[in-house]
């Protein structure tokens, strides 16, 4: 006879939330505050300044690229506040994925996890291709690329042997362990900052203020400080946001930090401030140094120095670029491995990817799979294609993170009686009313925010559009005020137990959602298409595998099965007891009849 087993329903599975957030881990806790800051610096410096900035200057924002970085920096600052708030609550590897899991449920967590993984998988080969091009052109005079063109068939046109070799080095270092990554990053961070200071000094010394607003592009006649207009600045800001993806690398190391709830917020904010100053300064110096239309490609900074005949600064910056981009790529692989580890540990993708080697305390299979995907990315795509596919996943995750803070900051739980451990019937109407109000206010706010961001990004600004935008802004503000007034704060917010508590809730988070959505809608079509691909792949993997093998679902099934077995055992025991009673009664009646 089979057990009457009823698994969790579909809606319950999609909305179930992760509750264990303290990060009982097999990973090695060894990273201090200083090492976490260096990890953030190593990841953010190489991605933005050396690889993406020249491309933004030439094709998106011109000399106004420094404003693009400033705008994206303001948006990132709002996201930093959200990350610091969440990092002080939860000491788990997985970053935004985990924050989504505990606030919005399993389906949203699966999608955000694939946003993160996809973005990082694209970033790794893009960095290796940029680094490979610089090594080939400036250190070995194009020897490798010339050999590849001569000996490789057409279908292997994008194959880059140097990029593949660099990815293999990243893989080996990550297999050795996080401590090796940390020590290497400290040395590289010093070289990176020195090389950036040298470039800025030389650029400000040898450049001209005329390059900022007087040069004219002979190809299309564009001129001025913002040759592509306000739209170009915003497009540049959306792409430049990629540079701040390193924020993820800090919080994904929660289970390897010695004191995560104290150090993660400090390391995230500290590394962000240092990098923001360097970004804005370097973007300004690049445009000041030479005409903006001559800068471009993934060898922009070194190419500029070479055209000016500045040999010594060229070699200093080349060394800085090689080491910085190498460190950034290394941190990218480290970060994506930790995100994949967290998703696999929760059962949403194959559990073998969360298997940790006992000797090195590193998920080796995970490292191998992520490295292979990075190598395939460097073979299939070229640098320019990859550089236009970035930032969408990061901006989407930052939007989700801000919403997560809004949800977790308010008391939406049911009151529980300490004796019965159940919600009293008299309290349920009040609890349900509170949840309904929060859901209504939040939905109204989100609809108004998405509409406002879309209008700001896609519509020409005239009187009617501006009137609608003002009306939507008023609806947003009123919704946030109602949330703040009508919904009580959570116990953690009231007792001040958090090491970092975001100010201005929920207005800071509301502004973060709006700004990130505006930047997201300003991205190029390629980036938005790639975002759709992440979402589709995430949904396919979740509904094909994760929904059945989720750790929470499996634990519920095991618990239900145990209860079913226990209940059947009690019934069998009860049935045997009944038989004994009937048997005794039968014997007693028989004895009486005989008498």
Protein backbone atom coordinates (compact mmCIF):
# COMPACT_ATOMS: atom_id res chain seq x y z
CA UNK A 1 0.00 0.00 0.00
CA UNK A 2 1.56 3.38 -1.06
CA UNK A 3 1.85 6.41 1.15
CA UNK A 4 -0.62 9.23 0.64
CA UNK A 5 2.11 11.77 -0.20
CA UNK A 6 1.17 15.23 -1.45
CA UNK A 7 4.15 17.40 -2.55
CA UNK A 8 4.19 21.21 -2.14
CA UNK A 9 1.97 22.98 -4.67
CA UNK A 10 3.32 24.98 -7.63
CA UNK A 11 2.55 28.42 -6.17
CA UNK A 12 4.04 27.41 -2.83
CA UNK A 13 7.26 26.35 -4.55
CA UNK A 14 7.55 29.55 -6.58
CA UNK A 15 7.11 31.81 -3.53
CA UNK A 16 8.89 29.79 -0.81
CA UNK A 17 11.67 31.75 0.86
CA UNK A 18 15.02 30.74 2.25
CA UNK A 19 15.17 31.08 6.03
CA UNK A 20 18.70 29.93 7.02
CA UNK A 21 20.87 32.98 6.39
CA UNK A 22 23.83 32.59 8.72
CA UNK A 23 26.04 30.80 6.21
CA UNK A 24 27.13 27.54 7.85
CA UNK A 25 29.75 26.81 5.24
CA UNK A 26 32.54 24.47 4.21
CA UNK A 27 34.46 27.45 2.79
CA UNK A 28 37.44 28.84 4.67
CA UNK A 29 36.90 32.02 6.75
CA UNK A 30 40.16 33.93 6.36
CA UNK A 31 39.50 37.37 4.82
CA UNK A 32 39.96 40.58 6.84
CA UNK A 33 38.45 44.02 6.22
CA UNK A 34 41.54 45.18 4.32
CA UNK A 35 41.52 42.10 2.07
CA UNK A 36 37.82 42.61 1.30
CA UNK A 37 38.45 46.25 0.30
CA UNK A 38 41.29 45.15 -1.97
CA UNK A 39 38.99 42.53 -3.52
CA UNK A 40 36.49 45.27 -4.38
CA UNK A 41 39.22 47.54 -5.78
CA UNK A 42 40.73 44.75 -7.86
CA UNK A 43 37.40 43.86 -9.41
CA UNK A 44 36.18 47.39 -10.16
CA UNK A 45 39.36 49.13 -11.30
CA UNK A 46 40.23 47.01 -14.30
CA UNK A 47 36.69 46.64 -15.59
CA UNK A 48 35.90 50.32 -16.01
CA UNK A 49 39.00 52.41 -16.45
CA UNK A 50 41.17 50.37 -18.79
CA UNK A 51 38.63 48.44 -20.83
CA UNK A 52 35.28 50.23 -21.03
CA UNK A 53 36.13 53.93 -20.62
CA UNK A 54 37.87 54.44 -24.02
CA UNK A 55 34.88 52.87 -25.79
CA UNK A 56 32.43 55.17 -23.94
CA UNK A 57 34.51 58.26 -24.77
CA UNK A 58 34.69 57.46 -28.47
CA UNK A 59 31.18 56.21 -29.25
CA UNK A 60 28.79 57.24 -26.47
CA UNK A 61 29.54 60.36 -24.42
CA UNK A 62 32.75 62.06 -25.64
CA UNK A 63 34.45 64.35 -23.11
CA UNK A 64 31.28 64.16 -20.98
CA UNK A 65 32.22 60.60 -20.01
CA UNK A 66 33.28 61.92 -16.61
CA UNK A 67 29.63 62.99 -16.13
CA UNK A 68 28.50 59.52 -17.22
CA UNK A 69 30.65 58.02 -14.48
CA UNK A 70 29.37 60.57 -11.99
CA UNK A 71 25.73 59.72 -12.81
CA UNK A 72 26.35 55.98 -12.67
CA UNK A 73 28.31 56.56 -9.45
CA UNK A 74 25.29 58.26 -7.85
CA UNK A 75 23.09 55.35 -8.89
CA UNK A 76 25.71 52.91 -7.61
CA UNK A 77 25.90 54.82 -4.30
CA UNK A 78 22.19 54.15 -3.75
CA UNK A 79 22.79 50.48 -4.51
CA UNK A 80 25.81 50.45 -2.18
CA UNK A 81 23.56 51.64 0.66
CA UNK A 82 21.16 48.79 -0.10
CA UNK A 83 23.97 46.23 -0.24
CA UNK A 84 25.46 47.45 3.04
CA UNK A 85 22.05 47.18 4.69
CA UNK A 86 21.55 43.61 3.48
CA UNK A 87 25.14 42.55 4.19
CA UNK A 88 24.65 43.59 7.82
CA UNK A 89 21.64 41.24 8.03
CA UNK A 90 22.83 38.12 6.20
CA UNK A 91 26.26 36.47 6.23
CA UNK A 92 25.73 34.23 3.18
CA UNK A 93 27.60 33.69 -0.06
CA UNK A 94 25.44 34.55 -3.05
CA UNK A 95 24.93 38.27 -2.61
CA UNK A 96 21.84 39.62 -4.41
CA UNK A 97 20.72 36.08 -5.18
CA UNK A 98 20.42 35.27 -1.47
CA UNK A 99 18.85 38.65 -0.68
CA UNK A 100 16.20 37.97 -3.33
CA UNK A 101 15.61 34.45 -2.01
CA UNK A 102 14.85 35.61 1.53
CA UNK A 103 12.59 38.48 0.44
CA UNK A 104 10.89 37.72 -2.90
CA UNK A 105 10.93 33.93 -3.06
CA UNK A 106 12.45 31.13 -5.09
CA UNK A 107 11.40 32.05 -8.64
CA UNK A 108 12.68 35.63 -8.34
CA UNK A 109 15.89 34.29 -6.77
CA UNK A 110 16.46 31.90 -9.69
CA UNK A 111 16.06 34.71 -12.23
CA UNK A 112 18.31 37.13 -10.31
CA UNK A 113 20.90 34.38 -9.88
CA UNK A 114 21.09 33.86 -13.63
CA UNK A 115 21.24 37.63 -14.20
CA UNK A 116 24.34 37.69 -12.01
CA UNK A 117 25.92 34.54 -13.44
CA UNK A 118 25.30 35.61 -17.04
CA UNK A 119 26.75 39.08 -16.48
CA UNK A 120 29.88 37.72 -14.82
CA UNK A 121 30.35 34.98 -17.43
CA UNK A 122 30.32 37.69 -20.13
CA UNK A 123 32.64 39.95 -18.17
CA UNK A 124 35.38 37.33 -17.76
CA UNK A 125 36.06 36.67 -21.49
CA UNK A 126 35.65 40.36 -22.31
CA UNK A 127 38.44 41.21 -19.87
CA UNK A 128 40.69 38.42 -21.11
CA UNK A 129 40.19 39.57 -24.73
CA UNK A 130 41.02 43.16 -23.77
CA UNK A 131 44.11 42.03 -21.89
CA UNK A 132 45.15 39.71 -24.72
CA UNK A 133 44.94 42.51 -27.30
CA UNK A 134 47.19 44.76 -25.20
CA UNK A 135 49.75 42.02 -24.57
CA UNK A 136 49.82 41.08 -28.25
CA UNK A 137 50.10 44.63 -29.62
CA UNK A 138 52.39 46.28 -27.11
CA UNK A 139 54.59 43.48 -25.77
CA UNK A 140 55.03 41.01 -28.64
CA UNK A 141 54.21 43.23 -31.65
CA UNK A 142 51.19 41.28 -32.87
CA UNK A 143 53.02 37.97 -33.32
CA UNK A 144 50.25 35.76 -31.91
CA UNK A 145 47.36 37.43 -33.74
CA UNK A 146 49.27 37.25 -37.05
CA UNK A 147 49.94 33.53 -36.52
CA UNK A 148 46.24 32.92 -35.69
CA UNK A 149 45.05 34.65 -38.88
CA UNK A 150 47.46 32.58 -40.96
CA UNK A 151 46.85 29.15 -39.40
CA UNK A 152 43.25 29.17 -38.11
CA UNK A 153 40.25 28.44 -40.41
CA UNK A 154 37.44 30.98 -40.80
CA UNK A 155 35.15 29.33 -38.23
CA UNK A 156 37.88 29.86 -35.59
CA UNK A 157 38.25 33.54 -36.47
CA UNK A 158 37.49 34.76 -32.93
CA UNK A 159 39.76 32.22 -31.22
CA UNK A 160 42.34 34.01 -29.09
CA UNK A 161 45.10 31.78 -27.69
CA UNK A 162 46.38 34.40 -25.24
CA UNK A 163 42.85 34.94 -23.85
CA UNK A 164 42.40 31.18 -23.42
CA UNK A 165 45.76 30.95 -21.64
CA UNK A 166 44.78 33.79 -19.29
CA UNK A 167 41.48 32.05 -18.43
CA UNK A 168 43.42 28.88 -17.61
CA UNK A 169 45.67 30.87 -15.25
CA UNK A 170 42.54 32.31 -13.56
CA UNK A 171 41.26 28.77 -13.15
CA UNK A 172 44.47 27.46 -11.57
CA UNK A 173 44.75 30.35 -9.10
CA UNK A 174 41.10 29.90 -8.04
CA UNK A 175 41.62 26.17 -7.52
CA UNK A 176 44.56 26.92 -5.22
CA UNK A 177 42.23 28.93 -2.97
CA UNK A 178 40.84 32.34 -1.99
CA UNK A 179 43.90 33.16 0.13
CA UNK A 180 46.11 33.03 -2.97
CA UNK A 181 43.66 35.29 -4.82
CA UNK A 182 43.70 37.77 -1.93
CA UNK A 183 47.49 38.03 -1.67
CA UNK A 184 47.83 38.43 -5.43
CA UNK A 185 45.19 41.18 -5.46
CA UNK A 186 47.00 43.20 -2.78
CA UNK A 187 50.18 43.37 -4.87
CA UNK A 188 48.28 44.15 -8.06
CA UNK A 189 46.15 46.88 -6.45
CA UNK A 190 49.29 48.85 -5.59
CA UNK A 191 50.58 48.61 -9.19
CA UNK A 192 47.14 49.57 -10.56
CA UNK A 193 46.72 52.72 -8.48
CA UNK A 194 50.29 53.88 -9.18
CA UNK A 195 49.84 53.40 -12.94
CA UNK A 196 46.54 55.31 -12.89
CA UNK A 197 48.10 58.20 -11.01
CA UNK A 198 50.96 58.26 -13.54
CA UNK A 199 48.52 58.37 -16.47
CA UNK A 200 46.40 61.11 -14.88
CA UNK A 201 49.50 63.17 -14.14
CA UNK A 202 50.86 62.84 -17.67
CA UNK A 203 47.45 63.48 -19.27
CA UNK A 204 46.82 66.65 -17.27
CA UNK A 205 50.39 67.83 -18.00
CA UNK A 206 50.47 67.09 -21.75
CA UNK A 207 46.80 67.57 -22.63
CA UNK A 208 44.82 70.65 -23.60
CA UNK A 209 41.52 72.12 -22.42
CA UNK A 210 40.57 72.60 -26.10
CA UNK A 211 40.15 68.83 -26.41
CA UNK A 212 37.17 69.06 -24.05
CA UNK A 213 34.92 71.28 -26.17
CA UNK A 214 36.56 72.64 -29.35
CA UNK A 215 37.52 69.57 -31.40
CA UNK A 216 35.27 68.44 -34.28
CA UNK A 217 34.95 64.81 -35.39
CA UNK A 218 35.78 64.85 -39.13
CA UNK A 219 33.61 61.75 -39.70
CA UNK A 220 30.25 63.18 -38.59
CA UNK A 221 30.89 66.78 -37.49
CA UNK A 222 30.06 66.20 -33.83
CA UNK A 223 31.64 68.68 -31.44
CA UNK A 224 31.40 70.14 -27.94
CA UNK A 225 31.75 68.75 -24.42
CA UNK A 226 28.79 66.40 -24.94
CA UNK A 227 28.87 65.60 -28.69
CA UNK A 228 26.20 62.90 -28.31
CA UNK A 229 23.94 65.04 -26.13
CA UNK A 230 22.16 64.16 -22.90
CA UNK A 231 21.09 60.81 -24.35
CA UNK A 232 24.76 59.96 -24.95
CA UNK A 233 25.66 60.82 -21.36
CA UNK A 234 22.88 58.53 -20.07
CA UNK A 235 23.82 55.72 -22.46
CA UNK A 236 27.42 56.07 -21.29
CA UNK A 237 26.24 56.05 -17.67
CA UNK A 238 24.33 52.81 -18.26
CA UNK A 239 27.38 51.16 -19.80
CA UNK A 240 29.75 52.67 -17.22
CA UNK A 241 27.65 51.06 -14.52
CA UNK A 242 29.39 47.84 -15.50
CA UNK A 243 32.45 49.21 -13.74
CA UNK A 244 30.66 48.95 -10.39
CA UNK A 245 29.80 45.29 -10.79
CA UNK A 246 32.72 44.67 -8.43
CA UNK A 247 30.40 45.57 -5.57
CA UNK A 248 29.12 42.02 -5.97
CA UNK A 249 32.59 40.56 -5.49
CA UNK A 250 32.78 41.88 -1.92
CA UNK A 251 29.45 40.58 -0.65
CA UNK A 252 29.82 37.20 -2.40
CA UNK A 253 32.72 36.50 -0.02
CA UNK A 254 30.50 36.60 3.08
CA UNK A 255 31.22 32.98 4.02
CA UNK A 256 34.96 33.53 3.68
CA UNK A 257 35.05 36.74 5.75
CA UNK A 258 36.21 36.59 9.36
CA UNK A 259 33.51 39.00 10.55
CA UNK A 260 31.05 39.41 7.66
CA UNK A 261 28.26 41.43 9.30
CA UNK A 262 30.73 44.08 10.44
CA UNK A 263 33.27 44.05 7.59
CA UNK A 264 31.13 43.61 4.46
CA UNK A 265 29.31 46.99 4.71
CA UNK A 266 32.57 48.82 5.45
CA UNK A 267 34.50 47.09 2.67
CA UNK A 268 31.72 47.66 0.12
CA UNK A 269 31.41 51.38 0.85
CA UNK A 270 35.17 51.96 1.19
CA UNK A 271 36.13 50.29 -2.10
CA UNK A 272 33.27 52.08 -3.90
CA UNK A 273 34.37 55.57 -2.79
CA UNK A 274 38.01 55.01 -3.78
CA UNK A 275 37.06 53.66 -7.20
CA UNK A 276 34.49 56.40 -7.92
CA UNK A 277 37.09 59.13 -7.44
CA UNK A 278 39.58 57.32 -9.71
CA UNK A 279 36.91 56.73 -12.39
CA UNK A 280 35.77 60.35 -12.65
CA UNK A 281 39.33 61.68 -12.58
CA UNK A 282 40.61 59.25 -15.23
CA UNK A 283 37.61 59.75 -17.54
CA UNK A 284 38.23 63.50 -17.43
CA UNK A 285 41.97 63.04 -18.05
CA UNK A 286 41.42 60.80 -21.08
CA UNK A 287 39.27 63.40 -22.83
CA UNK A 288 41.65 66.20 -21.77
CA UNK A 289 44.67 64.33 -23.16
CA UNK A 290 43.66 64.08 -26.86
CA UNK A 291 40.61 64.50 -29.13
CA UNK A 292 37.83 62.18 -27.99
CA UNK A 293 37.22 60.60 -31.41
CA UNK A 294 40.80 59.34 -31.61
CA UNK A 295 40.43 57.35 -28.40
CA UNK A 296 38.80 53.97 -28.65
CA UNK A 297 39.01 50.25 -28.64
CA UNK A 298 40.43 48.17 -25.86
CA UNK A 299 43.91 49.70 -26.17
CA UNK A 300 42.73 53.31 -25.74
CA UNK A 301 44.95 54.56 -22.89
CA UNK A 302 48.15 52.94 -24.10
CA UNK A 303 47.41 53.89 -27.72
CA UNK A 304 47.02 57.54 -26.67
CA UNK A 305 50.39 57.54 -24.91
CA UNK A 306 52.02 55.82 -27.88
CA UNK A 307 50.66 58.42 -30.33
CA UNK A 308 52.14 61.15 -28.13
CA UNK A 309 55.52 59.40 -28.07
CA UNK A 310 55.56 59.07 -24.26
CA UNK A 311 57.53 55.84 -23.94
CA UNK A 312 58.11 55.53 -20.18
CA UNK A 313 54.50 56.40 -19.16
CA UNK A 314 53.35 54.01 -21.88
CA UNK A 315 55.22 51.09 -20.27
CA UNK A 316 54.08 52.07 -16.77
CA UNK A 317 50.45 52.20 -17.86
CA UNK A 318 50.87 48.99 -19.87
CA UNK A 319 52.10 47.24 -16.74
CA UNK A 320 49.23 48.73 -14.76
CA UNK A 321 46.69 47.69 -17.39
CA UNK A 322 48.00 44.13 -17.63
CA UNK A 323 48.07 43.61 -13.87
CA UNK A 324 44.80 45.42 -13.20
CA UNK A 325 42.75 43.70 -15.88
CA UNK A 326 44.34 40.39 -14.89
CA UNK A 327 43.29 40.97 -11.27
CA UNK A 328 39.81 42.07 -12.35
CA UNK A 329 39.32 38.95 -14.46
CA UNK A 330 40.59 36.80 -11.61
CA UNK A 331 38.10 38.40 -9.22
CA UNK A 332 35.33 37.99 -11.78
CA UNK A 333 35.89 34.25 -11.92
CA UNK A 334 36.11 34.13 -8.12
CA UNK A 335 32.78 35.97 -7.85
CA UNK A 336 30.87 33.90 -10.39
CA UNK A 337 32.12 30.71 -8.75
CA UNK A 338 30.70 31.88 -5.39
CA UNK A 339 27.34 32.81 -6.91
CA UNK A 340 27.09 29.46 -8.72
CA UNK A 341 28.12 27.72 -5.48
CA UNK A 342 25.28 29.39 -3.58
CA UNK A 343 22.66 28.62 -6.25
CA UNK A 344 23.82 24.99 -6.47
CA UNK A 345 23.84 24.62 -2.69
CA UNK A 346 20.16 25.60 -2.71
CA UNK A 347 19.45 22.94 -5.34
CA UNK A 348 18.37 25.31 -8.12
CA UNK A 349 21.15 24.02 -10.39
CA UNK A 350 23.20 20.83 -10.27
CA UNK A 351 24.35 20.08 -6.73
CA UNK A 352 27.80 18.85 -7.87
CA UNK A 353 28.70 22.53 -8.44
CA UNK A 354 28.50 23.10 -4.67
CA UNK A 355 30.81 20.21 -3.83
CA UNK A 356 33.85 21.56 -1.92
CA UNK A 357 37.26 19.90 -1.98
CA UNK A 358 38.22 19.02 1.59
CA UNK A 359 41.90 19.85 1.16
CA UNK A 360 41.70 23.21 -0.64
CA UNK A 361 38.18 24.13 0.61
CA UNK A 362 37.35 25.25 -2.95
CA UNK A 363 34.42 24.07 -5.19
CA UNK A 364 36.73 22.68 -7.88
CA UNK A 365 34.07 21.35 -10.29
CA UNK A 366 32.41 24.74 -10.11
CA UNK A 367 35.67 26.51 -10.99
CA UNK A 368 36.24 24.17 -13.95
CA UNK A 369 32.73 24.68 -15.40
CA UNK A 370 32.84 28.49 -15.05
CA UNK A 371 36.32 28.58 -16.60
CA UNK A 372 35.20 26.52 -19.60
CA UNK A 373 32.20 28.82 -20.13
CA UNK A 374 34.55 31.82 -20.02
CA UNK A 375 36.84 30.21 -22.60
CA UNK A 376 33.86 29.46 -24.88
CA UNK A 377 32.75 33.10 -24.54
CA UNK A 378 36.17 34.33 -25.68
CA UNK A 379 35.97 31.99 -28.71
CA UNK A 380 32.40 32.75 -29.81
CA UNK A 381 32.37 36.55 -29.32
CA UNK A 382 34.80 39.36 -30.05
CA UNK A 383 35.57 42.23 -27.66
CA UNK A 384 33.24 44.82 -29.22
CA UNK A 385 30.24 42.48 -29.15
CA UNK A 386 30.81 41.61 -25.49
CA UNK A 387 31.31 45.26 -24.48
CA UNK A 388 27.81 46.12 -25.77
CA UNK A 389 26.14 43.24 -23.91
CA UNK A 390 27.08 44.30 -20.40
CA UNK A 391 25.41 46.14 -17.51
CA UNK A 392 21.85 44.88 -18.04
CA UNK A 393 22.18 42.05 -15.54
CA UNK A 394 23.90 44.25 -12.96
CA UNK A 395 21.28 47.01 -13.18
CA UNK A 396 18.45 44.48 -12.94
CA UNK A 397 19.99 42.88 -9.87
CA UNK A 398 20.44 46.30 -8.25
CA UNK A 399 16.74 47.01 -8.81
CA UNK A 400 15.82 43.69 -7.17
CA UNK A 401 18.20 44.39 -4.27
CA UNK A 402 16.56 47.76 -3.54
CA UNK A 403 13.12 46.11 -3.54
CA UNK A 404 14.46 43.42 -1.19
CA UNK A 405 15.54 46.07 1.34
CA UNK A 406 12.08 47.66 1.17
CA UNK A 407 10.43 44.32 1.93
CA UNK A 408 12.82 43.20 4.68
CA UNK A 409 12.74 46.54 6.51
CA UNK A 410 9.07 46.22 7.43
CA UNK A 411 7.25 43.85 9.76
CA UNK A 412 5.16 41.66 7.45
CA UNK A 413 5.28 38.49 9.56
CA UNK A 414 2.33 37.00 11.40
CA UNK A 415 2.34 37.49 15.21
CA UNK A 416 3.01 34.18 16.96
CA UNK A 417 1.83 33.11 20.42
CA UNK A 418 4.83 31.94 22.46
CA UNK A 419 2.94 29.04 24.08
CA UNK A 420 1.11 27.59 21.06
CA UNK A 421 3.67 28.83 18.45
CA UNK A 422 0.72 29.69 16.21
CA UNK A 423 -0.90 32.93 15.07
CA UNK A 424 -3.94 33.77 17.28
CA UNK A 425 -7.19 33.99 15.31
CA UNK A 426 -7.83 37.48 16.67
CA UNK A 427 -4.53 38.71 15.20
CA UNK A 428 -4.94 37.28 11.69
CA UNK A 429 -7.24 40.01 10.27
CA UNK A 430 -4.82 42.75 11.36
CA UNK A 431 -1.83 40.83 9.96
CA UNK A 432 -3.59 40.20 6.63
CA UNK A 433 -4.62 43.85 6.40
CA UNK A 434 -1.01 44.94 6.92
CA UNK A 435 0.23 42.62 4.17
CA UNK A 436 -2.47 43.72 1.74
CA UNK A 437 -1.72 47.40 2.30
CA UNK A 438 2.00 46.86 1.76
CA UNK A 439 1.35 44.84 -1.42
CA UNK A 440 -1.00 47.52 -2.81
CA UNK A 441 1.31 50.45 -2.02
CA UNK A 442 4.36 48.61 -3.40
CA UNK A 443 2.62 47.55 -6.63
CA UNK A 444 1.33 51.08 -7.26
CA UNK A 445 4.82 52.46 -6.64
CA UNK A 446 6.47 49.91 -8.99
CA UNK A 447 3.98 50.49 -11.83
CA UNK A 448 4.46 54.27 -11.57
CA UNK A 449 8.25 53.89 -11.39
CA UNK A 450 8.52 51.63 -14.45
CA UNK A 451 6.24 53.98 -16.42
CA UNK A 452 8.25 57.06 -15.37
CA UNK A 453 11.60 55.42 -16.21
CA UNK A 454 10.30 54.29 -19.62
CA UNK A 455 8.99 57.77 -20.44
CA UNK A 456 12.26 59.37 -19.34
CA UNK A 457 14.27 56.96 -21.50
CA UNK A 458 12.19 56.55 -24.65
CA UNK A 459 9.96 59.63 -25.08
CA UNK A 460 10.78 63.05 -26.44
CA UNK A 461 10.35 65.58 -23.67
CA UNK A 462 7.49 68.00 -24.33
CA UNK A 463 4.73 69.55 -22.20
CA UNK A 464 2.37 66.55 -22.22
CA UNK A 465 5.09 64.01 -21.43
CA UNK A 466 6.52 66.19 -18.64
CA UNK A 467 3.03 66.57 -17.11
CA UNK A 468 2.58 62.79 -17.10
CA UNK A 469 6.05 62.33 -15.59
CA UNK A 470 5.24 64.79 -12.79
CA UNK A 471 1.97 62.96 -12.07
CA UNK A 472 3.79 59.60 -11.95
CA UNK A 473 6.45 61.07 -9.64
CA UNK A 474 3.71 62.30 -7.27
CA UNK A 475 2.11 58.82 -7.25
CA UNK A 476 5.52 57.30 -6.45
CA UNK A 477 6.19 59.66 -3.57
CA UNK A 478 2.70 59.26 -2.08
CA UNK A 479 3.01 55.45 -2.26
CA UNK A 480 6.36 55.54 -0.45
CA UNK A 481 4.97 57.90 2.20
CA UNK A 482 2.03 55.55 2.80
CA UNK A 483 4.42 52.60 3.19
CA UNK A 484 6.49 54.58 5.70
CA UNK A 485 3.45 55.73 7.72
CA UNK A 486 1.10 52.73 7.57
CA UNK A 487 3.49 49.75 7.80
CA UNK A 488 5.47 49.17 11.04
CA UNK A 489 9.23 48.64 10.85
CA UNK A 490 10.72 45.22 11.56
CA UNK A 491 12.13 44.32 14.98
CA UNK A 492 15.73 44.61 13.70
CA UNK A 493 15.04 48.15 12.53
CA UNK A 494 13.55 49.14 15.89
CA UNK A 495 16.14 47.63 18.24
CA UNK A 496 19.17 48.97 16.32
CA UNK A 497 20.89 45.57 16.17
CA UNK A 498 22.10 46.04 12.57
CA UNK A 499 25.73 47.11 12.07
CA UNK A 500 24.56 49.27 9.14
CA UNK A 501 21.03 50.64 8.83
CA UNK A 502 20.10 52.36 5.58
CA UNK A 503 18.85 55.92 6.14
CA UNK A 504 15.71 57.37 4.60
CA UNK A 505 13.72 54.16 4.16
CA UNK A 506 11.90 53.56 1.87
CA UNK A 507 12.77 56.72 -0.09
CA UNK A 508 16.44 55.87 -0.74
CA UNK A 509 15.45 52.43 -2.01
CA UNK A 510 12.65 53.93 -4.11
CA UNK A 511 15.06 56.38 -5.72
CA UNK A 512 17.54 53.56 -6.34
CA UNK A 513 14.90 51.56 -8.24
CA UNK A 514 13.99 54.58 -10.38
CA UNK A 515 17.57 55.57 -11.26
CA UNK A 516 18.64 52.01 -12.08
CA UNK A 517 15.58 51.49 -14.27
CA UNK A 518 16.31 54.71 -16.19
CA UNK A 519 19.90 53.57 -16.78
CA UNK A 520 18.66 50.11 -17.76
CA UNK A 521 16.27 51.53 -20.35
CA UNK A 522 19.09 53.67 -21.79
CA UNK A 523 21.23 50.63 -22.58
CA UNK A 524 21.76 49.53 -26.15
CA UNK A 525 19.41 46.94 -27.66
CA UNK A 526 22.11 44.24 -27.51
CA UNK A 527 22.33 44.55 -23.74
CA UNK A 528 18.54 44.35 -23.35
CA UNK A 529 18.39 41.29 -25.64
CA UNK A 530 21.11 39.65 -23.57
CA UNK A 531 19.09 40.39 -20.43
CA UNK A 532 16.12 38.59 -21.99
CA UNK A 533 18.40 35.62 -22.73
CA UNK A 534 19.50 35.46 -19.07
CA UNK A 535 15.86 35.50 -17.99
CA UNK A 536 14.78 32.78 -20.44
CA UNK A 537 17.72 30.51 -19.58
CA UNK A 538 17.07 31.02 -15.87
CA UNK A 539 13.40 30.10 -16.25
CA UNK A 540 14.19 27.02 -18.37
CA UNK A 541 16.75 25.74 -15.86
CA UNK A 542 14.48 26.49 -12.89
CA UNK A 543 11.34 24.84 -14.30
CA UNK A 544 13.34 21.97 -15.79
CA UNK A 545 15.44 21.20 -12.71
CA UNK A 546 15.40 23.64 -9.78
CA UNK A 547 11.67 23.51 -9.02
CA UNK A 548 11.96 19.74 -8.41
CA UNK A 549 15.31 19.62 -6.60
CA UNK A 550 15.25 22.85 -4.60
CA UNK A 551 16.67 22.21 -1.13
CA UNK A 552 13.61 23.76 0.50
CA UNK A 553 11.23 21.60 -1.58
CA UNK A 554 13.22 18.43 -0.87
CA UNK A 555 13.26 19.17 2.87
CA UNK A 556 9.49 19.76 2.84
CA UNK A 557 8.98 16.49 0.99
CA UNK A 558 11.17 14.61 3.47
CA UNK A 559 9.37 16.17 6.43
CA UNK A 560 5.94 15.37 4.94
CA UNK A 561 7.02 11.81 4.21
CA UNK A 562 8.26 11.34 7.79
CA UNK A 563 4.97 12.66 9.14
CA UNK A 564 3.05 10.30 6.83
CA UNK A 565 5.11 7.31 7.95
CA UNK A 566 4.70 8.33 11.60
CA UNK A 567 0.94 8.69 11.18
CA UNK A 568 0.64 5.26 9.54
CA UNK A 569 2.67 3.77 12.37
CA UNK A 570 0.31 5.28 14.92
CA UNK A 571 -2.69 3.96 12.98
CA UNK A 572 -1.20 0.47 12.85
CA UNK A 573 -0.50 0.62 16.57
CA UNK A 574 -4.07 1.81 17.21
CA UNK A 575 -5.49 -0.98 15.06
CA UNK A 576 -3.47 -3.59 16.94
CA UNK A 577 -4.68 -2.12 20.26
CA UNK A 578 -8.30 -2.38 19.08
CA UNK A 579 -7.80 -6.01 18.13
CA UNK A 580 -6.37 -6.76 21.58
CA UNK A 581 -9.36 -5.13 23.29
CA UNK A 582 -11.86 -7.02 21.10
CA UNK A 583 -9.99 -10.26 21.72
CA UNK A 584 -10.10 -9.74 25.49
CA UNK A 585 -13.83 -8.90 25.36
CA UNK A 586 -14.46 -12.04 23.31
CA UNK A 587 -12.62 -14.20 25.83
CA UNK A 588 -14.49 -12.57 28.72
CA UNK A 589 -17.90 -13.13 27.08
CA UNK A 590 -17.01 -16.72 26.26
CA UNK A 591 -16.03 -17.35 29.88
CA UNK A 592 -19.33 -15.89 31.11
CA UNK A 593 -21.31 -18.06 28.72
CA UNK A 594 -19.50 -21.16 29.90
CA UNK A 595 -20.36 -20.29 33.51
